[in-house]
Structures are given as structure tokens and as C-alpha cells.
Amino acid sequence: MTHREHGTHVKYVIDRCRCDDCRTATAAYEAHRSRQRAYGIDAYIDATPARTHVRRLGAQGMGWKRVARTAGLSPSTVWKLLYGDPSRNRVPNKRIRPATANTILAVTLDLADGQIIDGTGTTRRIQALVAIGWSQSSIARRVGIHPANLTPLAHGRRSVHVGTARAVIDLYDELCMTPAPTGNRHSNTSRTRALNYAAAHDWAPPLAWDEDTIDDPAATPAVEHANEDPDVDEVAIQRRMGGDRTIRLTKAEKYELVACWQNTGRSLNELERVTGLNRRRYLPEPA
């Protein structure tokens, strides 16, 4: 049983209604198509590009219903584009209206917050923030998740919900050019621990990543460029100069330590004995 409105071309074609209203509507429809052809305008175009686009979005986790909702189309329009109408033994649409195709092709990837996605970019952003002194607990608090759930993400051991990934991106965009603050014992200790942890795990700082590649699993960090970052932890350097070898330093901080040591006039032999650093490896390059 159908309930399509009379006086439409759809009811004339699908329900084979031959009432006066449906016949009039169909005549007007055909006249319009004839005028379009006369002006060189196709009423329908190949549906393949639009169908391919929907399937590509689906492969990235965006369902066809979400595509339809984002495009402002009825779900049945996208369903028929993909699957046809099995109840009427109709194959997927081979041709669609240009306006419909353009609307679908304009849809960009927009995943629901609960969707699970690859965590590569999230992991790299967390690691980069730790590499400039932000503790994992402070990152977790700002993102709105429990620290125990952040640790696996930081080490790349799980996928991530879209909502969490977005929160990490927002935080990264806010802090990536702002090293963790110092000023009191707690903040100094937190920052030093984060820097040492990142150095121990070879985590790359923000300057090592380009925003176009940070989400690409095949990309590698430009560490040699990142090491040009002038920001160093002076507290960590002073503690290492004082003989605390438990303090881990970044490469930039090691160079800075050797330069500071030379400025004190103390011997390089003593440098190796006190700090454990190889003086030849971290001597400043001659101008």
C-alpha cells in the first residue's frame, strides 16, 4: 500500500497512477526536462562520484545516515544511491540530480564523538606536550579523562574515541608553543619529571611535527629541527651540574649544560666525572 501524494511525477512513475493531476504533473516535468536539454543542462548526471565519496567516508568511520544528515538529504536518498531499492528489485541509482551530487560531494569527514578512530595523532600530541614539560596528569585533567586512561594513549597502546581526540587536539593547539610553567617547587618538579620522562622515551616535541603529518602513521618526527628549540629546563641543568645523575636531559639541555660548565671555568675532565656527559659529544660547535 502506498501513500504518495497525487499530482506528482513520482506517483505517476512508481505507483503508475494515471489520474488527471498526476498526468498533468508528469507533463510539466517532461516539459521542464526538454527545456533543460535545449539549454544544454543535464537533469541527471553520473552517480558514481557521489557514491564513491559516501563509501570513502564510510571507510573512515562516517556512516551513511550521518552523511545524509550532514548533507541535509533524506536517508532514503543516500540509501538508494548505495543500495538501490531491493523491495522493488531496483539497483543503486546510476544517475542523480546535479544538486544532490554536489551536496553529497561537499560533505567532509565528521565523525560522532563515540566513534573509535586510530590514535596515532592523539598519541603524538600527548607525547609532544610532555616533551615540553606538561605532566600526563595535567593533560588528562585538561582533556577530561582519568590519568589511567591517558597513559595507554600516550604510549600508543589503544585507539581513541573521536571526542577524546578532539579534546587533545584543542589542548595541543592551545599549549604546543607554551612550555609548562615554573615558579614554585611543585611546578618545577612536575615539569622536570615530565621532561625527563619524555627524554627517556624519546618523545618528540611539537616542533618536530608538522600539522599536516602529525596524524599520518607513516610520518616520522623531524627531531634534528626540534632540537633547535631554545627552551631548556634550567633547574634540571643545575641539578645535573650538581652531580644528580638521575636527572635526564634533552639533547638541547646537554649542550646548554656543557656551555654553562665552560663559563664557570671548571675543567672538562671534571664535567665528565660529575655529570657523566661525554664532553666531546656536547661541546658547542666553533663559530
C-alpha atoms as a PDB file:
ATOM      1  CA  MET A   1       0.000   0.000   0.000  1.00  0.00           C
ATOM      2  CA  THR A   2       1.439   3.375  -0.976  1.00  0.00           C
ATOM      3  CA  HIS A   3       0.549   6.831   0.252  1.00  0.00           C
ATOM      4  CA  ARG A   4       2.424   9.038  -2.176  1.00  0.00           C
ATOM      5  CA  GLU A   5       0.833  12.366  -2.916  1.00  0.00           C
ATOM      6  CA  HIS A   6      -1.286  12.680  -6.038  1.00  0.00           C
ATOM      7  CA  GLY A   7      -0.336  15.265  -8.584  1.00  0.00           C
ATOM      8  CA  THR A   8       3.357  14.275  -8.619  1.00  0.00           C
ATOM      9  CA  HIS A   9       5.630  12.727 -11.189  1.00  0.00           C
ATOM     10  CA  VAL A  10       6.813  10.231  -8.562  1.00  0.00           C
ATOM     11  CA  LYS A  11       3.330   8.766  -8.087  1.00  0.00           C
ATOM     12  CA  TYR A  12       2.859   8.609 -11.863  1.00  0.00           C
ATOM     13  CA  VAL A  13       6.080   6.595 -12.311  1.00  0.00           C
ATOM     14  CA  ILE A  14       6.292   4.497  -9.147  1.00  0.00           C
ATOM     15  CA  ASP A  15       2.608   3.839  -8.426  1.00  0.00           C
ATOM     16  CA  ARG A  16       1.538   4.054 -12.077  1.00  0.00           C
ATOM     17  CA  CYS A  17      -1.255   6.437 -11.157  1.00  0.00           C
ATOM     18  CA  ARG A  18      -2.959   7.891 -14.229  1.00  0.00           C
ATOM     19  CA  CYS A  19      -5.264  10.416 -12.572  1.00  0.00           C
ATOM     20  CA  ASP A  20      -5.526  13.848 -14.177  1.00  0.00           C
ATOM     21  CA  ASP A  21      -3.378  15.502 -11.501  1.00  0.00           C
ATOM     22  CA  CYS A  22      -0.521  13.001 -11.873  1.00  0.00           C
ATOM     23  CA  ARG A  23      -0.667  13.184 -15.658  1.00  0.00           C
ATOM     24  CA  THR A  24      -0.532  16.989 -15.518  1.00  0.00           C
ATOM     25  CA  ALA A  25       2.443  16.881 -13.123  1.00  0.00           C
ATOM     26  CA  THR A  26       4.287  14.448 -15.373  1.00  0.00           C
ATOM     27  CA  ALA A  27       3.634  16.562 -18.468  1.00  0.00           C
ATOM     28  CA  ALA A  28       5.081  19.599 -16.654  1.00  0.00           C
ATOM     29  CA  TYR A  29       8.060  17.537 -15.547  1.00  0.00           C
ATOM     30  CA  GLU A  30       8.794  16.334 -19.086  1.00  0.00           C
ATOM     31  CA  ALA A  31       8.405  19.862 -20.467  1.00  0.00           C
ATOM     32  CA  HIS A  32      10.928  21.105 -17.919  1.00  0.00           C
ATOM     33  CA  ARG A  33      13.368  18.352 -18.874  1.00  0.00           C
ATOM     34  CA  SER A  34      13.011  19.252 -22.548  1.00  0.00           C
ATOM     35  CA  ARG A  35      13.822  22.883 -21.813  1.00  0.00           C
ATOM     36  CA  GLN A  36      16.844  21.838 -19.753  1.00  0.00           C
ATOM     37  CA  ARG A  37      18.150  19.741 -22.632  1.00  0.00           C
ATOM     38  CA  ALA A  38      17.586  22.613 -25.056  1.00  0.00           C
ATOM     39  CA  TYR A  39      19.792  24.799 -22.872  1.00  0.00           C
ATOM     40  CA  GLY A  40      22.421  22.066 -22.644  1.00  0.00           C
ATOM     41  CA  ILE A  41      21.705  21.324 -18.972  1.00  0.00           C
ATOM     42  CA  ASP A  42      21.502  17.691 -17.886  1.00  0.00           C
ATOM     43  CA  ALA A  43      18.716  16.935 -15.433  1.00  0.00           C
ATOM     44  CA  TYR A  44      20.733  13.955 -14.147  1.00  0.00           C
ATOM     45  CA  ILE A  45      24.426  13.130 -14.005  1.00  0.00           C
ATOM     46  CA  ASP A  46      26.535  10.058 -13.267  1.00  0.00           C
ATOM     47  CA  ALA A  47      26.055   8.989  -9.633  1.00  0.00           C
ATOM     48  CA  THR A  48      29.392   7.178  -9.372  1.00  0.00           C
ATOM     49  CA  PRO A  49      31.465  10.073  -7.908  1.00  0.00           C
ATOM     50  CA  ALA A  50      28.882  10.757  -5.196  1.00  0.00           C
ATOM     51  CA  ARG A  51      28.543   7.050  -4.367  1.00  0.00           C
ATOM     52  CA  THR A  52      32.329   6.663  -4.191  1.00  0.00           C
ATOM     53  CA  HIS A  53      32.535   9.672  -1.862  1.00  0.00           C
ATOM     54  CA  VAL A  54      29.958   8.225   0.531  1.00  0.00           C
ATOM     55  CA  ARG A  55      31.782   4.889   0.594  1.00  0.00           C
ATOM     56  CA  ARG A  56      35.110   6.608   1.192  1.00  0.00           C
ATOM     57  CA  LEU A  57      33.650   8.481   4.163  1.00  0.00           C
ATOM     58  CA  GLY A  58      32.217   5.206   5.407  1.00  0.00           C
ATOM     59  CA  ALA A  59      35.637   3.562   5.257  1.00  0.00           C
ATOM     60  CA  GLN A  60      36.864   6.327   7.562  1.00  0.00           C
ATOM     61  CA  GLY A  61      34.086   5.702  10.057  1.00  0.00           C
ATOM     62  CA  MET A  62      31.317   8.090   8.952  1.00  0.00           C
ATOM     63  CA  GLY A  63      28.072   6.180   8.476  1.00  0.00           C
ATOM     64  CA  TRP A  64      25.763   6.807   5.534  1.00  0.00           C
ATOM     65  CA  LYS A  65      22.990   8.099   7.804  1.00  0.00           C
ATOM     66  CA  ARG A  66      25.355  10.720   9.196  1.00  0.00           C
ATOM     67  CA  VAL A  67      26.338  11.641   5.637  1.00  0.00           C
ATOM     68  CA  ALA A  68      22.674  12.130   4.759  1.00  0.00           C
ATOM     69  CA  ARG A  69      22.030  14.211   7.878  1.00  0.00           C
ATOM     70  CA  THR A  70      25.110  16.365   7.264  1.00  0.00           C
ATOM     71  CA  ALA A  71      24.124  16.896   3.626  1.00  0.00           C
ATOM     72  CA  GLY A  72      20.545  17.750   4.560  1.00  0.00           C
ATOM     73  CA  LEU A  73      19.186  14.865   2.486  1.00  0.00           C
ATOM     74  CA  SER A  74      16.667  12.206   3.386  1.00  0.00           C
ATOM     75  CA  PRO A  75      18.244   8.875   4.427  1.00  0.00           C
ATOM     76  CA  SER A  76      16.371   7.147   1.597  1.00  0.00           C
ATOM     77  CA  THR A  77      18.200   9.283  -0.973  1.00  0.00           C
ATOM     78  CA  VAL A  78      21.616   8.098   0.203  1.00  0.00           C
ATOM     79  CA  TRP A  79      20.363   4.548   0.766  1.00  0.00           C
ATOM     80  CA  LYS A  80      19.166   4.275  -2.820  1.00  0.00           C
ATOM     81  CA  LEU A  81      22.423   5.742  -4.049  1.00  0.00           C
ATOM     82  CA  LEU A  82      24.300   2.952  -2.258  1.00  0.00           C
ATOM     83  CA  TYR A  83      21.916   0.006  -2.335  1.00  0.00           C
ATOM     84  CA  GLY A  84      19.021   0.799  -4.640  1.00  0.00           C
ATOM     85  CA  ASP A  85      15.545  -0.392  -3.651  1.00  0.00           C
ATOM     86  CA  PRO A  86      15.660  -4.172  -3.040  1.00  0.00           C
ATOM     87  CA  SER A  87      11.911  -4.294  -2.325  1.00  0.00           C
ATOM     88  CA  ARG A  88      11.322  -3.241  -5.941  1.00  0.00           C
ATOM     89  CA  ASN A  89      14.350  -5.068  -7.350  1.00  0.00           C
ATOM     90  CA  ARG A  90      15.947  -1.733  -8.207  1.00  0.00           C
ATOM     91  CA  VAL A  91      19.734  -1.442  -8.440  1.00  0.00           C
ATOM     92  CA  PRO A  92      21.662   1.503  -6.935  1.00  0.00           C
ATOM     93  CA  ASN A  93      20.943   4.764  -8.714  1.00  0.00           C
ATOM     94  CA  LYS A  94      23.100   5.192 -11.770  1.00  0.00           C
ATOM     95  CA  ARG A  95      22.231   8.860 -12.213  1.00  0.00           C
ATOM     96  CA  ILE A  96      21.261  11.585  -9.754  1.00  0.00           C
ATOM     97  CA  ARG A  97      20.466  15.268  -9.890  1.00  0.00           C
ATOM     98  CA  PRO A  98      23.494  17.602 -10.040  1.00  0.00           C
ATOM     99  CA  ALA A  99      22.339  19.446  -6.905  1.00  0.00           C
ATOM    100  CA  THR A 100      22.169  16.167  -4.963  1.00  0.00           C
ATOM    101  CA  ALA A 101      25.606  15.121  -6.185  1.00  0.00           C
ATOM    102  CA  ASN A 102      27.135  18.479  -5.291  1.00  0.00           C
ATOM    103  CA  THR A 103      25.591  18.382  -1.822  1.00  0.00           C
ATOM    104  CA  ILE A 104      26.992  14.904  -1.148  1.00  0.00           C
ATOM    105  CA  LEU A 105      30.427  15.725  -2.540  1.00  0.00           C
ATOM    106  CA  ALA A 106      30.586  18.775  -0.263  1.00  0.00           C
ATOM    107  CA  VAL A 107      30.325  16.594   2.859  1.00  0.00           C
ATOM    108  CA  THR A 108      33.593  16.332   4.762  1.00  0.00           C
ATOM    109  CA  LEU A 109      34.532  13.741   7.353  1.00  0.00           C
ATOM    110  CA  ASP A 110      32.509  14.415  10.508  1.00  0.00           C
ATOM    111  CA  LEU A 111      32.555  11.565  12.994  1.00  0.00           C
ATOM    112  CA  ALA A 112      30.383  11.118  16.043  1.00  0.00           C
ATOM    113  CA  ASP A 113      32.150  11.642  19.392  1.00  0.00           C
ATOM    114  CA  GLY A 114      31.729   7.976  20.286  1.00  0.00           C
ATOM    115  CA  GLN A 115      33.317   6.689  17.088  1.00  0.00           C
ATOM    116  CA  ILE A 116      36.606   4.792  17.536  1.00  0.00           C
ATOM    117  CA  ILE A 117      39.489   6.003  15.357  1.00  0.00           C
ATOM    118  CA  ASP A 118      43.232   5.483  15.038  1.00  0.00           C
ATOM    119  CA  GLY A 119      45.094   7.071  17.947  1.00  0.00           C
ATOM    120  CA  THR A 120      48.347   7.991  16.160  1.00  0.00           C
ATOM    121  CA  GLY A 121      47.799  11.746  16.173  1.00  0.00           C
ATOM    122  CA  THR A 122      46.448  11.730  19.717  1.00  0.00           C
ATOM    123  CA  THR A 123      49.485   9.816  20.975  1.00  0.00           C
ATOM    124  CA  ARG A 124      51.933  12.159  19.246  1.00  0.00           C
ATOM    125  CA  ARG A 125      50.211  15.266  20.604  1.00  0.00           C
ATOM    126  CA  ILE A 126      50.258  13.957  24.158  1.00  0.00           C
ATOM    127  CA  GLN A 127      53.915  12.961  23.872  1.00  0.00           C
ATOM    128  CA  ALA A 128      54.825  16.351  22.400  1.00  0.00           C
ATOM    129  CA  LEU A 129      53.205  18.202  25.301  1.00  0.00           C
ATOM    130  CA  VAL A 130      55.031  16.020  27.811  1.00  0.00           C
ATOM    131  CA  ALA A 131      58.257  16.764  25.914  1.00  0.00           C
ATOM    132  CA  ILE A 132      57.847  20.472  26.732  1.00  0.00           C
ATOM    133  CA  GLY A 133      57.151  19.822  30.391  1.00  0.00           C
ATOM    134  CA  TRP A 134      53.413  19.207  30.739  1.00  0.00           C
ATOM    135  CA  SER A 135      52.710  16.283  33.046  1.00  0.00           C
ATOM    136  CA  GLN A 136      50.429  13.479  31.922  1.00  0.00           C
ATOM    137  CA  SER A 137      48.163  14.086  34.925  1.00  0.00           C
ATOM    138  CA  SER A 138      47.693  17.751  33.982  1.00  0.00           C
ATOM    139  CA  ILE A 139      46.997  16.779  30.358  1.00  0.00           C
ATOM    140  CA  ALA A 140      44.435  14.196  31.482  1.00  0.00           C
ATOM    141  CA  ARG A 141      42.738  16.730  33.759  1.00  0.00           C
ATOM    142  CA  ARG A 142      42.519  19.324  30.992  1.00  0.00           C
ATOM    143  CA  VAL A 143      41.235  16.793  28.467  1.00  0.00           C
ATOM    144  CA  GLY A 144      38.685  15.457  30.930  1.00  0.00           C
ATOM    145  CA  ILE A 145      39.749  11.818  31.260  1.00  0.00           C
ATOM    146  CA  HIS A 146      41.282   9.757  34.066  1.00  0.00           C
ATOM    147  CA  PRO A 147      45.104   9.688  34.089  1.00  0.00           C
ATOM    148  CA  ALA A 148      44.988   5.890  33.986  1.00  0.00           C
ATOM    149  CA  ASN A 149      43.200   6.144  30.625  1.00  0.00           C
ATOM    150  CA  LEU A 150      45.679   8.674  29.280  1.00  0.00           C
ATOM    151  CA  THR A 151      48.779   6.560  29.896  1.00  0.00           C
ATOM    152  CA  PRO A 152      47.909   3.890  27.264  1.00  0.00           C
ATOM    153  CA  LEU A 153      47.153   6.672  24.783  1.00  0.00           C
ATOM    154  CA  ALA A 154      50.489   8.339  25.491  1.00  0.00           C
ATOM    155  CA  HIS A 155      52.254   5.061  24.727  1.00  0.00           C
ATOM    156  CA  GLY A 156      50.179   4.304  21.625  1.00  0.00           C
ATOM    157  CA  ARG A 157      48.582   1.177  23.035  1.00  0.00           C
ATOM    158  CA  ARG A 158      44.946   1.845  22.123  1.00  0.00           C
ATOM    159  CA  SER A 159      42.609   3.517  19.684  1.00  0.00           C
ATOM    160  CA  VAL A 160      40.718   6.612  20.766  1.00  0.00           C
ATOM    161  CA  HIS A 161      37.189   7.982  20.778  1.00  0.00           C
ATOM    162  CA  VAL A 162      36.627  10.902  18.430  1.00  0.00           C
ATOM    163  CA  GLY A 163      35.559  13.094  21.352  1.00  0.00           C
ATOM    164  CA  THR A 164      38.824  12.454  23.200  1.00  0.00           C
ATOM    165  CA  ALA A 165      40.870  13.010  20.042  1.00  0.00           C
ATOM    166  CA  ARG A 166      39.171  16.367  19.512  1.00  0.00           C
ATOM    167  CA  ALA A 167      39.809  17.400  23.118  1.00  0.00           C
ATOM    168  CA  VAL A 168      43.518  16.531  22.772  1.00  0.00           C
ATOM    169  CA  ILE A 169      43.741  18.484  19.510  1.00  0.00           C
ATOM    170  CA  ASP A 170      42.196  21.543  21.169  1.00  0.00           C
ATOM    171  CA  LEU A 171      44.595  21.305  24.119  1.00  0.00           C
ATOM    172  CA  TYR A 172      47.584  20.751  21.846  1.00  0.00           C
ATOM    173  CA  ASP A 173      46.677  23.781  19.743  1.00  0.00           C
ATOM    174  CA  GLU A 174      46.477  25.818  22.946  1.00  0.00           C
ATOM    175  CA  LEU A 175      49.724  24.644  24.581  1.00  0.00           C
ATOM    176  CA  CYS A 176      52.073  23.417  21.846  1.00  0.00           C
ATOM    177  CA  MET A 177      54.034  26.687  21.849  1.00  0.00           C
ATOM    178  CA  THR A 178      53.848  27.151  25.629  1.00  0.00           C
ATOM    179  CA  PRO A 179      56.299  25.153  27.772  1.00  0.00           C
ATOM    180  CA  ALA A 180      54.970  24.082  31.153  1.00  0.00           C
ATOM    181  CA  PRO A 181      55.301  26.838  33.758  1.00  0.00           C
ATOM    182  CA  THR A 182      57.870  27.067  36.535  1.00  0.00           C
ATOM    183  CA  GLY A 183      57.993  29.260  39.589  1.00  0.00           C
ATOM    184  CA  ASN A 184      57.400  27.077  42.632  1.00  0.00           C
ATOM    185  CA  ARG A 185      58.689  23.783  43.909  1.00  0.00           C
ATOM    186  CA  HIS A 186      55.664  21.787  42.769  1.00  0.00           C
ATOM    187  CA  SER A 187      55.591  23.164  39.210  1.00  0.00           C
ATOM    188  CA  ASN A 188      59.362  22.861  38.861  1.00  0.00           C
ATOM    189  CA  THR A 189      59.309  19.243  39.998  1.00  0.00           C
ATOM    190  CA  SER A 190      56.348  18.378  37.763  1.00  0.00           C
ATOM    191  CA  ARG A 191      57.985  19.964  34.740  1.00  0.00           C
ATOM    192  CA  THR A 192      61.345  18.288  35.349  1.00  0.00           C
ATOM    193  CA  ARG A 193      59.732  14.878  35.729  1.00  0.00           C
ATOM    194  CA  ALA A 194      57.781  15.337  32.511  1.00  0.00           C
ATOM    195  CA  LEU A 195      60.893  16.418  30.602  1.00  0.00           C
ATOM    196  CA  ASN A 196      62.911  13.504  31.957  1.00  0.00           C
ATOM    197  CA  TYR A 197      60.134  11.032  31.165  1.00  0.00           C
ATOM    198  CA  ALA A 198      59.830  12.292  27.597  1.00  0.00           C
ATOM    199  CA  ALA A 199      63.608  12.199  27.113  1.00  0.00           C
ATOM    200  CA  ALA A 200      63.780   8.634  28.456  1.00  0.00           C
ATOM    201  CA  HIS A 201      61.157   7.521  25.940  1.00  0.00           C
ATOM    202  CA  ASP A 202      62.490   9.634  23.024  1.00  0.00           C
ATOM    203  CA  TRP A 203      59.239  11.534  22.665  1.00  0.00           C
ATOM    204  CA  ALA A 204      59.365  14.291  20.060  1.00  0.00           C
ATOM    205  CA  PRO A 205      58.345  17.866  20.962  1.00  0.00           C
ATOM    206  CA  PRO A 206      55.828  19.938  18.978  1.00  0.00           C
ATOM    207  CA  LEU A 207      58.474  21.491  16.738  1.00  0.00           C
ATOM    208  CA  ALA A 208      59.259  18.014  15.414  1.00  0.00           C
ATOM    209  CA  TRP A 209      55.813  17.691  13.876  1.00  0.00           C
ATOM    210  CA  ASP A 210      54.018  19.456  11.061  1.00  0.00           C
ATOM    211  CA  GLU A 211      50.249  19.707  11.418  1.00  0.00           C
ATOM    212  CA  ASP A 212      49.884  18.081   8.007  1.00  0.00           C
ATOM    213  CA  THR A 213      51.787  14.944   9.060  1.00  0.00           C
ATOM    214  CA  ILE A 214      51.233  14.514  12.789  1.00  0.00           C
ATOM    215  CA  ASP A 215      48.230  12.223  12.155  1.00  0.00           C
ATOM    216  CA  ASP A 216      49.977  10.197   9.446  1.00  0.00           C
ATOM    217  CA  PRO A 217      51.145   6.830  10.860  1.00  0.00           C
ATOM    218  CA  ALA A 218      53.891   6.712   8.192  1.00  0.00           C
ATOM    219  CA  ALA A 219      55.357  10.118   9.124  1.00  0.00           C
ATOM    220  CA  THR A 220      58.451  10.495  11.311  1.00  0.00           C
ATOM    221  CA  PRO A 221      59.388  13.444  13.539  1.00  0.00           C
ATOM    222  CA  ALA A 222      61.941  15.999  12.383  1.00  0.00           C
ATOM    223  CA  VAL A 223      63.902  15.643  15.604  1.00  0.00           C
ATOM    224  CA  GLU A 224      67.007  17.425  14.332  1.00  0.00           C
ATOM    225  CA  HIS A 225      64.900  20.537  13.759  1.00  0.00           C
ATOM    226  CA  ALA A 226      63.082  20.170  17.046  1.00  0.00           C
ATOM    227  CA  ASN A 227      66.357  20.137  18.938  1.00  0.00           C
ATOM    228  CA  GLU A 228      66.872  23.703  17.854  1.00  0.00           C
ATOM    229  CA  ASP A 229      64.194  24.733  20.348  1.00  0.00           C
ATOM    230  CA  PRO A 230      65.916  27.185  22.668  1.00  0.00           C
ATOM    231  CA  ASP A 231      63.695  26.331  25.628  1.00  0.00           C
ATOM    232  CA  VAL A 232      65.549  24.296  28.230  1.00  0.00           C
ATOM    233  CA  ASP A 233      64.925  23.378  31.844  1.00  0.00           C
ATOM    234  CA  GLU A 234      67.427  25.433  33.832  1.00  0.00           C
ATOM    235  CA  VAL A 235      66.506  23.679  37.073  1.00  0.00           C
ATOM    236  CA  ALA A 236      67.277  20.262  35.599  1.00  0.00           C
ATOM    237  CA  ILE A 237      70.581  21.545  34.220  1.00  0.00           C
ATOM    238  CA  GLN A 238      71.664  22.945  37.588  1.00  0.00           C
ATOM    239  CA  ARG A 239      70.757  19.719  39.379  1.00  0.00           C
ATOM    240  CA  ARG A 240      72.752  17.668  36.867  1.00  0.00           C
ATOM    241  CA  MET A 241      75.689  20.086  37.223  1.00  0.00           C
ATOM    242  CA  GLY A 242      75.460  19.495  40.953  1.00  0.00           C
ATOM    243  CA  GLY A 243      76.041  15.775  40.420  1.00  0.00           C
ATOM    244  CA  ASP A 244      72.468  14.412  40.316  1.00  0.00           C
ATOM    245  CA  ARG A 245      72.778  11.875  37.509  1.00  0.00           C
ATOM    246  CA  THR A 246      69.178  10.714  37.964  1.00  0.00           C
ATOM    247  CA  ILE A 247      68.105  13.858  36.109  1.00  0.00           C
ATOM    248  CA  ARG A 248      67.585  13.142  32.428  1.00  0.00           C
ATOM    249  CA  LEU A 249      68.227  15.960  29.989  1.00  0.00           C
ATOM    250  CA  THR A 250      67.183  16.603  26.430  1.00  0.00           C
ATOM    251  CA  LYS A 251      69.862  16.968  23.794  1.00  0.00           C
ATOM    252  CA  ALA A 252      69.443  20.746  23.806  1.00  0.00           C
ATOM    253  CA  GLU A 253      69.807  20.811  27.589  1.00  0.00           C
ATOM    254  CA  LYS A 254      73.019  18.763  27.429  1.00  0.00           C
ATOM    255  CA  TYR A 255      74.561  21.267  25.046  1.00  0.00           C
ATOM    256  CA  GLU A 256      73.439  24.067  27.345  1.00  0.00           C
ATOM    257  CA  LEU A 257      74.914  22.303  30.373  1.00  0.00           C
ATOM    258  CA  VAL A 258      78.331  21.969  28.743  1.00  0.00           C
ATOM    259  CA  ALA A 259      78.259  25.637  27.708  1.00  0.00           C
ATOM    260  CA  CYS A 260      77.338  26.702  31.248  1.00  0.00           C
ATOM    261  CA  TRP A 261      80.073  24.467  32.665  1.00  0.00           C
ATOM    262  CA  GLN A 262      82.677  26.075  30.447  1.00  0.00           C
ATOM    263  CA  ASN A 263      81.539  29.509  31.579  1.00  0.00           C
ATOM    264  CA  THR A 264      82.319  28.564  35.182  1.00  0.00           C
ATOM    265  CA  GLY A 265      85.944  27.860  34.239  1.00  0.00           C
ATOM    266  CA  ARG A 266      85.823  24.315  35.595  1.00  0.00           C
ATOM    267  CA  SER A 267      87.684  21.609  33.680  1.00  0.00           C
ATOM    268  CA  LEU A 268      86.050  19.343  31.148  1.00  0.00           C
ATOM    269  CA  ASN A 269      87.528  16.321  32.903  1.00  0.00           C
ATOM    270  CA  GLU A 270      85.584  17.320  35.987  1.00  0.00           C
ATOM    271  CA  LEU A 271      82.482  17.757  33.811  1.00  0.00           C
ATOM    272  CA  GLU A 272      82.574  14.109  32.807  1.00  0.00           C
ATOM    273  CA  ARG A 273      83.253  12.948  36.363  1.00  0.00           C
ATOM    274  CA  VAL A 274      80.428  14.991  37.928  1.00  0.00           C
ATOM    275  CA  THR A 275      77.730  14.871  35.261  1.00  0.00           C
ATOM    276  CA  GLY A 276      78.579  11.730  33.315  1.00  0.00           C
ATOM    277  CA  LEU A 277      78.306  13.576  29.993  1.00  0.00           C
ATOM    278  CA  ASN A 278      80.738  12.990  27.161  1.00  0.00           C
ATOM    279  CA  ARG A 279      82.418  16.370  26.766  1.00  0.00           C
ATOM    280  CA  ARG A 280      83.343  15.809  23.132  1.00  0.00           C
ATOM    281  CA  ARG A 281      79.819  14.954  22.103  1.00  0.00           C
ATOM    282  CA  TYR A 282      78.218  18.071  23.554  1.00  0.00           C
ATOM    283  CA  LEU A 283      80.876  20.716  23.118  1.00  0.00           C
ATOM    284  CA  PRO A 284      79.398  23.747  21.330  1.00  0.00           C
ATOM    285  CA  GLU A 285      80.367  23.892  17.683  1.00  0.00           C
ATOM    286  CA  PRO A 286      83.011  26.561  16.945  1.00  0.00           C
ATOM    287  CA  ALA A 287      81.632  29.734  15.381  1.00  0.00           C
END
